[in-house]
Amino acid sequence: MIASAFLFAAMGATVKAASRQLPNSMVVFFRNLLGLAALLPWLPRLGRRGLGTASLREHLIRGLAGLASMYCFFYAIAHLRLAEAMLLNYSLPLFMPFIEKTWLGEQTPREVWWALAIGFLGLFLILRPGPGVFNPVALVGVASAVLAALAQVGVRRLTRTEPPERIVFYFAVVATAVSALPLARTWTTPPAALWGILALMGVLATLGQLMLTRAYSLAPAVQVGPFIYTSVVFAGLLDAGLWGQWPDAFFMAGAGLVCLAGILALRRRRIAS
């Protein structure tokens, strides 16, 4: 999970670089297309039987939710500090109890609700609603978290019957096909120097997704989920090293509360179960 967090933070840096020259729809498409290409070496090992599935509907729901989250997430990366965009995206544990109750019929233990309250207070500090302070793009980052929570619940459901490689493959296929649809209106030929960054983005994203899915298949989310927050640390280091952007006090306080809430929520659910 820590390796996945690092890979996703590095991918975020490539997204931010690519977004300065390409529209969001193209960055999302290339992330999915090149990510699918990075999966090709694994396909011969899976074979036709390995790719067969009886869960096409679940794969489609997970793919569309993940793609919608990606559009919001990449837009937030382009317009916010990388660490801020990643933290908003990784506030998804705050929304997972609501989705799990609706989709899987699971009840949320009472002990979790106060942890969620701490997390939403942290989000309030990060968003800082008020004249001249609030950045509307931050709401796009929150939307990416809600959609990512839906996608992660879908991954959790799929791991009951599907291997990680198959889950990642179907996501790549669905996301690539659907993200190609807007290109007729938004296509811009990338500069030659940008192709290397786009290729790296696809490789990092696919490896990070494989690591993430493998982590959830090997251990319960309550054990591995909290380690995803190390991506915010990695992203903050990239912000400082690449763009000279340092977090302010409000972000640090809010980040601490969101991370604490996510970890407490996951652990409280383990204790309650």
Foldseek 3Di string as FASTA:
>chain_A
DLLLLLLVLVLLVLLLVVVVPAPLLVLLLLLLVLLLVLLVVVDVVCDPVNLDDPPLVLLLLLLVLLLLLSSLLSLLSNPDQSLLLVLLQLLLLLQLQVLCCVPVVDHADPQLVVLSVLLVVLLCLSQVDDPPRGDVSSVSSNSSSNSVSSSVVSLLVCLVPHDQSNSLNSSSVSSNVVSVVVCVPRPDDDDPVSVVSSSSSNNSNNVSSSVVSVVVNVDPCLVVVLSSLVSSVSSQVCCCPPPNDHDDPSNVSSSVSSSSSSNSSSPVRVVVD
